[in-house]
């Protein structure tokens, strides 16, 4: 399956390690990573996926495929700026949300709008609004949760 991984463009070393671990886990299980294609979480998850021989897709805000990070296999230039945030969750079968800012929050919202199962790992608390975001504690649990959601599990 394709899994959209969303998170901040500027991240700490700890957040980078976590994003790389998510990418490695997804690729090890044969899943394709979809992301925003730039730096921070996006670059780290792609780096992790590539380390395990996985495939990565970057949906870019600008109009130049060359703006993708070096770990993106398929760069899709949109020219839409932040409006491309709708396309990232739309192009995954499920979403894993990592630490991020308002852009990540909009992508969590779009995941809900598009009925994509969403799993949060150190991300926004959206419990006060009507968004179904399962929260987990590890990269492995995040991948387990998106797989279970798509298989009709808990």
Protein backbone atom coordinates (compact mmCIF):
# COMPACT_ATOMS: atom_id res chain seq x y z
CA UNK A 1 0.00 0.00 0.00
CA UNK A 2 0.93 3.65 -0.18
CA UNK A 3 1.31 5.41 3.15
CA UNK A 4 1.44 9.19 3.35
CA UNK A 5 3.83 10.34 6.06
CA UNK A 6 3.34 13.92 7.19
CA UNK A 7 5.32 16.09 9.56
CA UNK A 8 7.36 19.23 9.95
CA UNK A 9 9.81 20.69 7.49
CA UNK A 10 12.16 21.66 10.31
CA UNK A 11 12.77 18.93 12.89
CA UNK A 12 15.05 17.95 15.74
CA UNK A 13 17.54 15.08 15.64
CA UNK A 14 15.14 12.95 17.70
CA UNK A 15 12.29 13.66 15.27
CA UNK A 16 14.60 12.87 12.33
CA UNK A 17 15.51 9.53 13.87
CA UNK A 18 11.81 8.70 14.40
CA UNK A 19 10.88 9.67 10.82
CA UNK A 20 13.72 7.57 9.40
CA UNK A 21 12.55 4.63 11.51
CA UNK A 22 9.01 5.01 10.11
CA UNK A 23 10.39 5.06 6.57
CA UNK A 24 12.51 1.97 7.20
CA UNK A 25 9.58 0.10 8.74
CA UNK A 26 7.24 0.97 5.87
CA UNK A 27 9.76 -0.09 3.23
CA UNK A 28 10.68 -3.29 5.08
CA UNK A 29 7.01 -4.26 4.90
CA UNK A 30 6.80 -3.45 1.18
CA UNK A 31 4.86 -0.17 1.41
CA UNK A 32 5.47 2.94 -0.70
CA UNK A 33 6.08 6.25 1.10
CA UNK A 34 4.19 9.34 -0.04
CA UNK A 35 5.21 12.71 1.41
CA UNK A 36 5.63 16.40 0.61
CA UNK A 37 9.02 15.69 -0.95
CA UNK A 38 11.07 18.43 0.67
CA UNK A 39 13.19 18.57 3.87
CA UNK A 40 12.74 17.71 7.53
CA UNK A 41 10.32 14.84 8.16
CA UNK A 42 9.85 14.35 4.43
CA UNK A 43 13.55 13.90 3.74
CA UNK A 44 14.08 11.70 6.80
CA UNK A 45 11.21 9.32 6.02
CA UNK A 46 12.41 9.01 2.44
CA UNK A 47 15.99 8.38 3.60
CA UNK A 48 14.75 5.62 5.89
CA UNK A 49 12.63 4.05 3.15
CA UNK A 50 15.49 4.12 0.65
CA UNK A 51 17.81 2.49 3.20
CA UNK A 52 15.47 -0.53 3.08
CA UNK A 53 15.12 -0.46 -0.72
CA UNK A 54 11.69 1.18 -0.66
CA UNK A 55 9.95 3.48 -3.13
CA UNK A 56 9.21 7.13 -2.35
CA UNK A 57 6.87 9.69 -3.90
CA UNK A 58 7.18 13.41 -3.20
CA UNK A 59 4.26 15.76 -3.89
CA UNK A 60 5.96 19.14 -4.11
CA UNK A 61 4.50 22.58 -3.46
CA UNK A 62 6.48 24.20 -6.27
CA UNK A 63 6.66 23.79 -10.02
CA UNK A 64 10.09 22.14 -10.19
CA UNK A 65 10.58 18.39 -9.69
CA UNK A 66 14.27 19.11 -9.02
CA UNK A 67 13.28 20.71 -5.69
CA UNK A 68 12.61 17.24 -4.23
CA UNK A 69 15.01 15.86 -1.68
CA UNK A 70 17.59 13.40 -3.01
CA UNK A 71 15.73 10.37 -1.62
CA UNK A 72 12.53 10.91 -3.64
CA UNK A 73 12.04 8.45 -6.51
CA UNK A 74 8.98 10.06 -8.09
CA UNK A 75 8.77 13.85 -7.77
CA UNK A 76 5.40 15.40 -8.60
CA UNK A 77 5.54 19.17 -9.05
CA UNK A 78 2.18 20.81 -8.36
CA UNK A 79 2.80 24.58 -8.36
CA UNK A 80 0.10 24.76 -5.67
CA UNK A 81 2.10 25.92 -2.66
CA UNK A 82 0.40 24.95 0.60
CA UNK A 83 -2.72 23.84 -1.31
CA UNK A 84 -0.74 20.72 -2.19
CA UNK A 85 -1.33 19.65 1.44
CA UNK A 86 -4.64 18.21 0.26
CA UNK A 87 -2.85 15.97 -2.24
CA UNK A 88 -0.44 14.32 0.19
CA UNK A 89 -3.04 12.39 2.24
CA UNK A 90 -5.24 11.93 -0.82
CA UNK A 91 -2.48 9.91 -2.50
CA UNK A 92 -1.96 7.50 0.38
CA UNK A 93 -4.14 4.60 1.44
CA UNK A 94 -3.43 5.67 5.03
CA UNK A 95 -1.58 8.47 6.84
CA UNK A 96 1.06 8.51 9.56
CA UNK A 97 1.33 11.94 11.20
CA UNK A 98 4.57 12.87 12.97
CA UNK A 99 5.52 16.08 14.80
CA UNK A 100 4.78 19.18 12.76
CA UNK A 101 3.12 22.56 12.61
CA UNK A 102 0.01 23.95 10.97
CA UNK A 103 0.81 22.32 7.62
CA UNK A 104 0.81 18.92 9.29
CA UNK A 105 -2.43 19.81 11.04
CA UNK A 106 -4.08 20.66 7.71
CA UNK A 107 -2.93 17.32 6.30
CA UNK A 108 -4.46 15.52 9.29
CA UNK A 109 -7.70 17.35 8.50
CA UNK A 110 -7.54 16.34 4.85
CA UNK A 111 -6.90 12.72 5.85
CA UNK A 112 -10.19 12.87 7.75
CA UNK A 113 -12.02 14.55 4.86
CA UNK A 114 -10.77 11.87 2.45
CA UNK A 115 -11.54 9.03 4.89
CA UNK A 116 -7.94 7.92 5.12
CA UNK A 117 -7.07 6.00 8.28
CA UNK A 118 -4.70 8.24 10.25
CA UNK A 119 -2.20 7.30 12.93
CA UNK A 120 -0.38 9.86 15.07
CA UNK A 121 3.11 9.38 16.47
CA UNK A 122 4.17 12.40 18.58
CA UNK A 123 1.81 14.71 16.69
CA UNK A 124 -1.10 17.08 17.29
CA UNK A 125 -3.82 16.30 19.83
CA UNK A 126 -7.05 16.49 17.82
CA UNK A 127 -9.23 14.76 20.40
CA UNK A 128 -11.39 17.86 20.89
CA UNK A 129 -12.65 17.76 17.30
CA UNK A 130 -14.29 15.06 15.21
CA UNK A 131 -11.15 13.54 13.68
CA UNK A 132 -10.38 9.88 14.14
CA UNK A 133 -6.63 9.84 14.82
CA UNK A 134 -5.26 6.71 16.47
CA UNK A 135 -2.20 7.54 18.57
CA UNK A 136 0.74 5.19 19.03
CA UNK A 137 4.16 5.23 20.69
CA UNK A 138 6.56 3.65 18.19
CA UNK A 139 7.24 3.59 14.44
CA UNK A 140 6.43 -0.14 14.40
CA UNK A 141 3.09 0.48 16.12
CA UNK A 142 2.30 3.22 13.58
CA UNK A 143 2.78 0.84 10.66
CA UNK A 144 0.87 -1.92 12.50
CA UNK A 145 -2.03 0.49 13.01
CA UNK A 146 -2.29 1.63 9.38
CA UNK A 147 -2.07 -1.97 8.18
CA UNK A 148 -4.79 -3.04 10.63
CA UNK A 149 -7.04 -0.14 9.61
CA UNK A 150 -6.83 -1.09 5.96
CA UNK A 151 -7.42 -4.76 6.72
CA UNK A 152 -10.54 -3.88 8.71
CA UNK A 153 -8.87 -4.58 12.05
CA UNK A 154 -9.02 -2.60 15.31
